[in-house]
C-alpha cells in the first residue's frame, strides 16, 4: 500500500482552512503533516486538535512555513496574495506540489507563481468544485457558438465578509467566455458601472458583484440576445465541496511534473 501524501494546510484558522483540514482527514490518500497561521495569531504554538475544540492530535500550529514545507509533499493554500507568493517560492525549493485557491492575485503575483512552477507542480484555480469547472467548459463553448450579438454578463454573490470583487470564480468564467470568443478578457471586461456610462459596448463582458449574508457562492453567466436569454448557473451550498476538490487537486499534482495547472487539467476537461 502506498504511503499517504504528507499534506500541509496554510492559514488553518479560517473557515476554508478548517474545511481543508476536514477534507484531508477524510481522504486516506493524504495525511495532514503540518499547518500554519500568521505570526501573532492566538493559535500559534497550540495543538491543532485543541484549537478546533477536540482532542490533541500532535500537530502544532506554526508561524514558520519553511519548517512546514520541509515536512510536506503537498500544500493547500487559500490565504492572501502576499503569503501565497511566498509559499510558492517555498514549494519550489521543497519540490512540493502546491494547490492555490487564493483570490485577488495580481498579474505580478501570477507571474511569480509561474516562475515557481518551473520547479514544482502548482494548481491554481478560482474554484475547485466539479460543478463550477463544468460550468467553465460550458461557458467557453456557448461563447464560441454565439456571436457578439449576445451580450455576456457574469453575476456573482458571496457572503458579506469576502474582501475581493469580482470573485476568482467570476473572473475564471470571464476568461472562459473570452477564450470562447478568441479575445483577451482584459480588452473586453467591464467591471464597474456607475452614473451615465453610455450604451453597452458590443463584445464587452460585464461583471456584477453582490455581497450579503452567509452566501457561500453563487454564479450566473448570462448570454442576452434580442428575443432570448440563456443563463448558466451554479450555486454552492457547502464549502466542503471546494475543500474536497482542492485535496483531489493535490493528489493529482503530486504525480505531475513541475508546471502551471488548473482544475480543468485535474479533471481531464482541458482541451
C-alpha atoms as a PDB file:
ATOM      1  CA  UNK A   1       0.000   0.000   0.000  1.00  0.00           C
ATOM      2  CA  UNK A   2       1.343   3.429  -0.937  1.00  0.00           C
ATOM      3  CA  UNK A   3       2.050   5.880   1.840  1.00  0.00           C
ATOM      4  CA  UNK A   4      -0.374   8.811   2.057  1.00  0.00           C
ATOM      5  CA  UNK A   5       0.904  12.129   0.716  1.00  0.00           C
ATOM      6  CA  UNK A   6       2.117  14.403   3.505  1.00  0.00           C
ATOM      7  CA  UNK A   7      -0.043  17.482   3.039  1.00  0.00           C
ATOM      8  CA  UNK A   8       0.102  20.859   4.792  1.00  0.00           C
ATOM      9  CA  UNK A   9      -2.672  23.410   5.195  1.00  0.00           C
ATOM     10  CA  UNK A  10      -1.672  27.062   5.147  1.00  0.00           C
ATOM     11  CA  UNK A  11      -3.833  29.567   7.033  1.00  0.00           C
ATOM     12  CA  UNK A  12      -5.572  26.916   9.093  1.00  0.00           C
ATOM     13  CA  UNK A  13      -7.759  29.055  11.362  1.00  0.00           C
ATOM     14  CA  UNK A  14     -10.027  30.467   8.655  1.00  0.00           C
ATOM     15  CA  UNK A  15     -13.252  28.847   7.528  1.00  0.00           C
ATOM     16  CA  UNK A  16     -11.632  27.442   4.417  1.00  0.00           C
ATOM     17  CA  UNK A  17      -8.526  26.340   6.315  1.00  0.00           C
ATOM     18  CA  UNK A  18     -10.636  24.319   8.724  1.00  0.00           C
ATOM     19  CA  UNK A  19     -12.580  22.804   5.830  1.00  0.00           C
ATOM     20  CA  UNK A  20      -9.298  21.803   4.199  1.00  0.00           C
ATOM     21  CA  UNK A  21      -8.226  20.021   7.381  1.00  0.00           C
ATOM     22  CA  UNK A  22     -11.534  18.122   7.418  1.00  0.00           C
ATOM     23  CA  UNK A  23     -11.126  17.169   3.758  1.00  0.00           C
ATOM     24  CA  UNK A  24      -7.569  15.939   4.302  1.00  0.00           C
ATOM     25  CA  UNK A  25      -8.666  13.901   7.315  1.00  0.00           C
ATOM     26  CA  UNK A  26     -11.460  12.312   5.259  1.00  0.00           C
ATOM     27  CA  UNK A  27      -9.222  11.181   2.377  1.00  0.00           C
ATOM     28  CA  UNK A  28      -6.937   8.175   3.018  1.00  0.00           C
ATOM     29  CA  UNK A  29      -4.652   9.175   0.124  1.00  0.00           C
ATOM     30  CA  UNK A  30      -3.335  12.144   2.136  1.00  0.00           C
ATOM     31  CA  UNK A  31      -2.301  12.805   5.716  1.00  0.00           C
ATOM     32  CA  UNK A  32      -2.021  16.148   7.492  1.00  0.00           C
ATOM     33  CA  UNK A  33       1.670  16.903   8.026  1.00  0.00           C
ATOM     34  CA  UNK A  34       1.567  20.479   9.308  1.00  0.00           C
ATOM     35  CA  UNK A  35      -0.408  23.701   9.480  1.00  0.00           C
ATOM     36  CA  UNK A  36       0.408  27.395   9.578  1.00  0.00           C
ATOM     37  CA  UNK A  37      -1.040  30.679  10.691  1.00  0.00           C
ATOM     38  CA  UNK A  38       0.212  34.237  10.510  1.00  0.00           C
ATOM     39  CA  UNK A  39       2.693  35.422  13.125  1.00  0.00           C
ATOM     40  CA  UNK A  40       0.994  36.621  16.285  1.00  0.00           C
ATOM     41  CA  UNK A  41      -2.176  34.602  15.805  1.00  0.00           C
ATOM     42  CA  UNK A  42      -3.607  33.152  19.021  1.00  0.00           C
ATOM     43  CA  UNK A  43      -3.365  29.590  17.686  1.00  0.00           C
ATOM     44  CA  UNK A  44       0.416  29.717  17.225  1.00  0.00           C
ATOM     45  CA  UNK A  45       2.206  27.133  19.373  1.00  0.00           C
ATOM     46  CA  UNK A  46      -1.020  25.307  20.283  1.00  0.00           C
ATOM     47  CA  UNK A  47      -2.148  21.835  19.296  1.00  0.00           C
ATOM     48  CA  UNK A  48      -4.433  21.966  16.262  1.00  0.00           C
ATOM     49  CA  UNK A  49      -6.924  19.493  17.676  1.00  0.00           C
ATOM     50  CA  UNK A  50      -7.412  21.595  20.792  1.00  0.00           C
ATOM     51  CA  UNK A  51      -7.719  24.777  18.703  1.00  0.00           C
ATOM     52  CA  UNK A  52     -10.550  23.097  16.798  1.00  0.00           C
ATOM     53  CA  UNK A  53     -12.293  22.146  20.028  1.00  0.00           C
ATOM     54  CA  UNK A  54     -11.315  18.475  20.086  1.00  0.00           C
ATOM     55  CA  UNK A  55      -8.630  16.190  21.421  1.00  0.00           C
ATOM     56  CA  UNK A  56      -4.937  16.869  20.910  1.00  0.00           C
ATOM     57  CA  UNK A  57      -3.593  15.346  17.689  1.00  0.00           C
ATOM     58  CA  UNK A  58       0.119  16.141  17.880  1.00  0.00           C
ATOM     59  CA  UNK A  59       0.147  18.820  15.189  1.00  0.00           C
ATOM     60  CA  UNK A  60       1.273  22.213  16.437  1.00  0.00           C
ATOM     61  CA  UNK A  61       0.123  25.356  14.630  1.00  0.00           C
ATOM     62  CA  UNK A  62       3.247  27.052  13.283  1.00  0.00           C
ATOM     63  CA  UNK A  63       4.096  30.535  12.059  1.00  0.00           C
ATOM     64  CA  UNK A  64       7.148  29.156  10.212  1.00  0.00           C
ATOM     65  CA  UNK A  65       6.152  27.995   6.710  1.00  0.00           C
ATOM     66  CA  UNK A  66       9.757  26.986   5.979  1.00  0.00           C
ATOM     67  CA  UNK A  67       9.540  24.359   8.693  1.00  0.00           C
ATOM     68  CA  UNK A  68       6.127  23.172   7.496  1.00  0.00           C
ATOM     69  CA  UNK A  69       7.210  22.845   3.861  1.00  0.00           C
ATOM     70  CA  UNK A  70      10.293  20.889   4.921  1.00  0.00           C
ATOM     71  CA  UNK A  71       7.993  18.076   6.057  1.00  0.00           C
ATOM     72  CA  UNK A  72       5.366  18.321   3.303  1.00  0.00           C
ATOM     73  CA  UNK A  73       4.979  16.750  -0.107  1.00  0.00           C
ATOM     74  CA  UNK A  74       1.984  18.930  -0.951  1.00  0.00           C
ATOM     75  CA  UNK A  75       0.349  22.058   0.444  1.00  0.00           C
ATOM     76  CA  UNK A  76      -3.080  23.662   0.234  1.00  0.00           C
ATOM     77  CA  UNK A  77      -3.098  27.460   0.187  1.00  0.00           C
ATOM     78  CA  UNK A  78      -6.256  29.588   0.387  1.00  0.00           C
ATOM     79  CA  UNK A  79      -4.646  32.543   2.156  1.00  0.00           C
ATOM     80  CA  UNK A  80      -3.736  36.011   0.844  1.00  0.00           C
ATOM     81  CA  UNK A  81      -1.752  37.066  -2.242  1.00  0.00           C
ATOM     82  CA  UNK A  82       1.492  38.038  -0.493  1.00  0.00           C
ATOM     83  CA  UNK A  83       1.501  34.857   1.593  1.00  0.00           C
ATOM     84  CA  UNK A  84       0.681  32.682  -1.411  1.00  0.00           C
ATOM     85  CA  UNK A  85       3.572  34.101  -3.424  1.00  0.00           C
ATOM     86  CA  UNK A  86       5.944  33.373  -0.525  1.00  0.00           C
ATOM     87  CA  UNK A  87       4.540  29.852  -0.180  1.00  0.00           C
ATOM     88  CA  UNK A  88       5.016  29.236  -3.908  1.00  0.00           C
ATOM     89  CA  UNK A  89       8.698  30.064  -3.572  1.00  0.00           C
ATOM     90  CA  UNK A  90       8.981  27.596  -0.681  1.00  0.00           C
ATOM     91  CA  UNK A  91       7.114  24.931  -2.661  1.00  0.00           C
ATOM     92  CA  UNK A  92       9.611  25.402  -5.492  1.00  0.00           C
ATOM     93  CA  UNK A  93      12.516  24.962  -3.096  1.00  0.00           C
ATOM     94  CA  UNK A  94      10.950  21.885  -1.497  1.00  0.00           C
ATOM     95  CA  UNK A  95       9.736  20.470  -4.854  1.00  0.00           C
ATOM     96  CA  UNK A  96       6.334  20.121  -3.216  1.00  0.00           C
ATOM     97  CA  UNK A  97       3.005  20.246  -5.039  1.00  0.00           C
ATOM     98  CA  UNK A  98       1.047  23.412  -4.285  1.00  0.00           C
ATOM     99  CA  UNK A  99      -2.693  23.946  -4.668  1.00  0.00           C
ATOM    100  CA  UNK A 100      -3.675  27.623  -4.737  1.00  0.00           C
ATOM    101  CA  UNK A 101      -7.214  28.814  -4.147  1.00  0.00           C
ATOM    102  CA  UNK A 102      -6.224  32.338  -3.131  1.00  0.00           C
ATOM    103  CA  UNK A 103      -8.162  35.074  -4.920  1.00  0.00           C
ATOM    104  CA  UNK A 104      -7.230  38.686  -5.591  1.00  0.00           C
ATOM    105  CA  UNK A 105      -3.861  37.797  -7.138  1.00  0.00           C
ATOM    106  CA  UNK A 106      -2.361  40.499  -9.342  1.00  0.00           C
ATOM    107  CA  UNK A 107      -0.718  39.867 -12.699  1.00  0.00           C
ATOM    108  CA  UNK A 108       2.636  40.263 -10.961  1.00  0.00           C
ATOM    109  CA  UNK A 109       1.652  37.681  -8.348  1.00  0.00           C
ATOM    110  CA  UNK A 110       0.589  35.224 -11.043  1.00  0.00           C
ATOM    111  CA  UNK A 111       3.888  35.755 -12.852  1.00  0.00           C
ATOM    112  CA  UNK A 112       5.742  34.836  -9.645  1.00  0.00           C
ATOM    113  CA  UNK A 113       3.654  31.676  -9.309  1.00  0.00           C
ATOM    114  CA  UNK A 114       4.529  30.782 -12.893  1.00  0.00           C
ATOM    115  CA  UNK A 115       8.192  31.229 -12.076  1.00  0.00           C
ATOM    116  CA  UNK A 116       7.876  28.923  -9.054  1.00  0.00           C
ATOM    117  CA  UNK A 117       6.055  26.384 -11.236  1.00  0.00           C
ATOM    118  CA  UNK A 118       9.276  25.777 -13.154  1.00  0.00           C
ATOM    119  CA  UNK A 119      10.367  23.766 -10.120  1.00  0.00           C
ATOM    120  CA  UNK A 120       7.122  22.450  -8.629  1.00  0.00           C
ATOM    121  CA  UNK A 121       3.652  21.473  -9.842  1.00  0.00           C
ATOM    122  CA  UNK A 122       1.250  24.305  -8.979  1.00  0.00           C
ATOM    123  CA  UNK A 123      -2.504  24.027  -9.466  1.00  0.00           C
ATOM    124  CA  UNK A 124      -4.265  27.388  -9.322  1.00  0.00           C
ATOM    125  CA  UNK A 125      -7.996  27.756  -9.746  1.00  0.00           C
ATOM    126  CA  UNK A 126     -10.648  30.295  -8.940  1.00  0.00           C
ATOM    127  CA  UNK A 127     -12.890  27.436  -7.852  1.00  0.00           C
ATOM    128  CA  UNK A 128     -12.278  23.768  -7.074  1.00  0.00           C
ATOM    129  CA  UNK A 129     -15.799  22.365  -7.377  1.00  0.00           C
ATOM    130  CA  UNK A 130     -16.632  19.922 -10.169  1.00  0.00           C
ATOM    131  CA  UNK A 131     -19.822  21.826 -10.977  1.00  0.00           C
ATOM    132  CA  UNK A 132     -18.120  25.175 -11.442  1.00  0.00           C
ATOM    133  CA  UNK A 133     -15.430  23.702 -13.657  1.00  0.00           C
ATOM    134  CA  UNK A 134     -18.082  22.078 -15.818  1.00  0.00           C
ATOM    135  CA  UNK A 135     -19.754  25.494 -15.935  1.00  0.00           C
ATOM    136  CA  UNK A 136     -16.467  26.964 -17.147  1.00  0.00           C
ATOM    137  CA  UNK A 137     -16.318  24.495 -20.030  1.00  0.00           C
ATOM    138  CA  UNK A 138     -19.943  25.208 -20.961  1.00  0.00           C
ATOM    139  CA  UNK A 139     -19.343  28.955 -20.809  1.00  0.00           C
ATOM    140  CA  UNK A 140     -16.459  28.715 -23.254  1.00  0.00           C
ATOM    141  CA  UNK A 141     -18.451  26.537 -25.641  1.00  0.00           C
ATOM    142  CA  UNK A 142     -21.564  28.736 -25.557  1.00  0.00           C
ATOM    143  CA  UNK A 143     -19.488  31.903 -26.022  1.00  0.00           C
ATOM    144  CA  UNK A 144     -17.813  30.307 -29.040  1.00  0.00           C
ATOM    145  CA  UNK A 145     -21.159  29.317 -30.528  1.00  0.00           C
ATOM    146  CA  UNK A 146     -22.834  32.706 -30.100  1.00  0.00           C
ATOM    147  CA  UNK A 147     -21.695  35.921 -31.738  1.00  0.00           C
ATOM    148  CA  UNK A 148     -21.287  39.336 -30.181  1.00  0.00           C
ATOM    149  CA  UNK A 149     -24.982  39.976 -30.811  1.00  0.00           C
ATOM    150  CA  UNK A 150     -25.318  38.161 -27.472  1.00  0.00           C
ATOM    151  CA  UNK A 151     -24.140  40.283 -24.550  1.00  0.00           C
ATOM    152  CA  UNK A 152     -22.323  38.385 -21.792  1.00  0.00           C
ATOM    153  CA  UNK A 153     -22.895  39.346 -18.158  1.00  0.00           C
ATOM    154  CA  UNK A 154     -21.398  37.480 -15.206  1.00  0.00           C
ATOM    155  CA  UNK A 155     -23.103  37.887 -11.834  1.00  0.00           C
ATOM    156  CA  UNK A 156     -21.730  36.548  -8.565  1.00  0.00           C
ATOM    157  CA  UNK A 157     -22.848  36.715  -4.938  1.00  0.00           C
ATOM    158  CA  UNK A 158     -20.881  35.882  -1.803  1.00  0.00           C
ATOM    159  CA  UNK A 159     -21.046  36.398   1.949  1.00  0.00           C
ATOM    160  CA  UNK A 160     -20.580  39.835   3.462  1.00  0.00           C
ATOM    161  CA  UNK A 161     -17.012  39.094   4.622  1.00  0.00           C
ATOM    162  CA  UNK A 162     -15.482  38.487   1.177  1.00  0.00           C
ATOM    163  CA  UNK A 163     -12.866  41.154   0.520  1.00  0.00           C
ATOM    164  CA  UNK A 164     -12.242  40.919  -3.240  1.00  0.00           C
ATOM    165  CA  UNK A 165     -14.501  41.518  -6.228  1.00  0.00           C
ATOM    166  CA  UNK A 166     -15.219  40.175  -8.750  1.00  0.00           C
ATOM    167  CA  UNK A 167     -14.679  36.727  -7.271  1.00  0.00           C
ATOM    168  CA  UNK A 168     -11.941  34.488  -8.582  1.00  0.00           C
ATOM    169  CA  UNK A 169     -14.625  32.201  -9.979  1.00  0.00           C
ATOM    170  CA  UNK A 170     -16.324  35.065 -11.816  1.00  0.00           C
ATOM    171  CA  UNK A 171     -13.013  36.029 -13.400  1.00  0.00           C
ATOM    172  CA  UNK A 172     -12.399  32.389 -14.318  1.00  0.00           C
ATOM    173  CA  UNK A 173     -15.772  32.316 -16.056  1.00  0.00           C
ATOM    174  CA  UNK A 174     -14.948  35.604 -17.759  1.00  0.00           C
ATOM    175  CA  UNK A 175     -11.682  34.148 -19.029  1.00  0.00           C
ATOM    176  CA  UNK A 176     -13.593  31.150 -20.389  1.00  0.00           C
ATOM    177  CA  UNK A 177     -16.072  33.389 -22.187  1.00  0.00           C
ATOM    178  CA  UNK A 178     -13.252  35.494 -23.631  1.00  0.00           C
ATOM    179  CA  UNK A 179     -11.408  32.370 -24.797  1.00  0.00           C
ATOM    180  CA  UNK A 180     -14.566  31.184 -26.487  1.00  0.00           C
ATOM    181  CA  UNK A 181     -14.684  34.429 -28.434  1.00  0.00           C
ATOM    182  CA  UNK A 182     -10.977  34.469 -29.151  1.00  0.00           C
ATOM    183  CA  UNK A 183     -10.274  37.710 -27.281  1.00  0.00           C
ATOM    184  CA  UNK A 184      -8.334  38.749 -24.184  1.00  0.00           C
ATOM    185  CA  UNK A 185     -10.513  39.353 -21.125  1.00  0.00           C
ATOM    186  CA  UNK A 186      -8.505  42.444 -20.230  1.00  0.00           C
ATOM    187  CA  UNK A 187      -9.573  44.048 -23.506  1.00  0.00           C
ATOM    188  CA  UNK A 188     -13.312  43.453 -23.073  1.00  0.00           C
ATOM    189  CA  UNK A 189     -14.008  43.292 -19.317  1.00  0.00           C
ATOM    190  CA  UNK A 190     -16.469  45.852 -17.938  1.00  0.00           C
ATOM    191  CA  UNK A 191     -16.057  45.642 -14.166  1.00  0.00           C
ATOM    192  CA  UNK A 192     -17.692  48.854 -12.979  1.00  0.00           C
ATOM    193  CA  UNK A 193     -20.773  50.824 -13.990  1.00  0.00           C
ATOM    194  CA  UNK A 194     -21.968  53.925 -12.213  1.00  0.00           C
ATOM    195  CA  UNK A 195     -23.698  57.050 -13.441  1.00  0.00           C
ATOM    196  CA  UNK A 196     -24.119  57.945 -17.103  1.00  0.00           C
ATOM    197  CA  UNK A 197     -21.994  55.214 -18.607  1.00  0.00           C
ATOM    198  CA  UNK A 198     -23.463  55.335 -22.102  1.00  0.00           C
ATOM    199  CA  UNK A 199     -24.730  52.371 -24.080  1.00  0.00           C
ATOM    200  CA  UNK A 200     -23.223  48.951 -23.569  1.00  0.00           C
ATOM    201  CA  UNK A 201     -20.208  48.373 -25.808  1.00  0.00           C
ATOM    202  CA  UNK A 202     -20.683  45.407 -28.172  1.00  0.00           C
ATOM    203  CA  UNK A 203     -18.444  42.493 -27.246  1.00  0.00           C
ATOM    204  CA  UNK A 204     -17.864  43.560 -23.649  1.00  0.00           C
ATOM    205  CA  UNK A 205     -18.068  41.005 -20.844  1.00  0.00           C
ATOM    206  CA  UNK A 206     -19.740  42.585 -17.832  1.00  0.00           C
ATOM    207  CA  UNK A 207     -19.340  41.717 -14.162  1.00  0.00           C
ATOM    208  CA  UNK A 208     -21.670  42.294 -11.230  1.00  0.00           C
ATOM    209  CA  UNK A 209     -20.597  41.508  -7.636  1.00  0.00           C
ATOM    210  CA  UNK A 210     -23.164  41.145  -4.854  1.00  0.00           C
ATOM    211  CA  UNK A 211     -22.308  40.750  -1.160  1.00  0.00           C
ATOM    212  CA  UNK A 212     -24.536  39.807   1.745  1.00  0.00           C
ATOM    213  CA  UNK A 213     -25.398  37.351   4.485  1.00  0.00           C
ATOM    214  CA  UNK A 214     -23.659  33.999   4.583  1.00  0.00           C
ATOM    215  CA  UNK A 215     -23.863  33.109   0.882  1.00  0.00           C
ATOM    216  CA  UNK A 216     -21.139  30.567   0.086  1.00  0.00           C
ATOM    217  CA  UNK A 217     -21.050  31.244  -3.631  1.00  0.00           C
ATOM    218  CA  UNK A 218     -23.484  31.749  -6.491  1.00  0.00           C
ATOM    219  CA  UNK A 219     -22.521  32.458 -10.100  1.00  0.00           C
ATOM    220  CA  UNK A 220     -24.503  33.128 -13.263  1.00  0.00           C
ATOM    221  CA  UNK A 221     -23.318  33.612 -16.815  1.00  0.00           C
ATOM    222  CA  UNK A 222     -25.983  35.366 -18.873  1.00  0.00           C
ATOM    223  CA  UNK A 223     -25.968  35.450 -22.666  1.00  0.00           C
ATOM    224  CA  UNK A 224     -28.550  38.110 -23.571  1.00  0.00           C
ATOM    225  CA  UNK A 225     -29.598  38.421 -27.196  1.00  0.00           C
ATOM    226  CA  UNK A 226     -32.514  40.034 -28.987  1.00  0.00           C
ATOM    227  CA  UNK A 227     -35.582  37.953 -28.170  1.00  0.00           C
ATOM    228  CA  UNK A 228     -33.932  35.376 -25.935  1.00  0.00           C
ATOM    229  CA  UNK A 229     -31.619  34.945 -22.969  1.00  0.00           C
ATOM    230  CA  UNK A 230     -29.500  31.940 -21.991  1.00  0.00           C
ATOM    231  CA  UNK A 231     -28.413  31.589 -18.353  1.00  0.00           C
ATOM    232  CA  UNK A 232     -25.856  29.159 -16.938  1.00  0.00           C
ATOM    233  CA  UNK A 233     -25.926  28.994 -13.137  1.00  0.00           C
ATOM    234  CA  UNK A 234     -24.120  27.326 -10.237  1.00  0.00           C
ATOM    235  CA  UNK A 235     -24.859  27.635  -6.522  1.00  0.00           C
ATOM    236  CA  UNK A 236     -22.727  26.121  -3.757  1.00  0.00           C
ATOM    237  CA  UNK A 237     -24.461  25.072  -0.537  1.00  0.00           C
ATOM    238  CA  UNK A 238     -21.491  23.538   1.284  1.00  0.00           C
ATOM    239  CA  UNK A 239     -17.966  24.962   1.416  1.00  0.00           C
ATOM    240  CA  UNK A 240     -16.617  21.432   1.846  1.00  0.00           C
ATOM    241  CA  UNK A 241     -17.112  20.840  -1.885  1.00  0.00           C
ATOM    242  CA  UNK A 242     -14.243  23.259  -2.559  1.00  0.00           C
ATOM    243  CA  UNK A 243     -12.018  21.631   0.053  1.00  0.00           C
ATOM    244  CA  UNK A 244     -12.580  18.148  -1.351  1.00  0.00           C
ATOM    245  CA  UNK A 245     -11.733  19.437  -4.815  1.00  0.00           C
ATOM    246  CA  UNK A 246      -8.527  21.007  -3.519  1.00  0.00           C
ATOM    247  CA  UNK A 247      -7.447  17.700  -1.967  1.00  0.00           C
ATOM    248  CA  UNK A 248      -8.191  15.932  -5.260  1.00  0.00           C
ATOM    249  CA  UNK A 249      -6.004  18.527  -6.985  1.00  0.00           C
ATOM    250  CA  UNK A 250      -3.152  17.930  -4.521  1.00  0.00           C
ATOM    251  CA  UNK A 251      -3.245  14.179  -5.088  1.00  0.00           C
ATOM    252  CA  UNK A 252      -3.205  14.716  -8.857  1.00  0.00           C
ATOM    253  CA  UNK A 253      -0.465  17.367  -8.742  1.00  0.00           C
ATOM    254  CA  UNK A 254       1.809  15.190  -6.613  1.00  0.00           C
ATOM    255  CA  UNK A 255       2.161  12.831  -9.593  1.00  0.00           C
ATOM    256  CA  UNK A 256       2.854  15.599 -12.126  1.00  0.00           C
ATOM    257  CA  UNK A 257       5.979  17.265 -13.402  1.00  0.00           C
ATOM    258  CA  UNK A 258       6.646  20.894 -12.429  1.00  0.00           C
ATOM    259  CA  UNK A 259       4.338  23.265 -14.236  1.00  0.00           C
ATOM    260  CA  UNK A 260       1.314  25.537 -14.020  1.00  0.00           C
ATOM    261  CA  UNK A 261      -2.015  23.717 -13.988  1.00  0.00           C
ATOM    262  CA  UNK A 262      -5.674  24.429 -13.299  1.00  0.00           C
ATOM    263  CA  UNK A 263      -8.660  22.394 -12.194  1.00  0.00           C
ATOM    264  CA  UNK A 264      -9.617  21.573 -15.771  1.00  0.00           C
ATOM    265  CA  UNK A 265      -6.294  19.735 -16.048  1.00  0.00           C
ATOM    266  CA  UNK A 266      -7.015  17.860 -12.828  1.00  0.00           C
ATOM    267  CA  UNK A 267     -10.457  16.792 -14.020  1.00  0.00           C
ATOM    268  CA  UNK A 268      -9.335  15.957 -17.560  1.00  0.00           C
ATOM    269  CA  UNK A 269     -11.567  18.654 -19.030  1.00  0.00           C
ATOM    270  CA  UNK A 270      -8.864  20.783 -20.645  1.00  0.00           C
ATOM    271  CA  UNK A 271      -8.911  20.938 -24.440  1.00  0.00           C
END
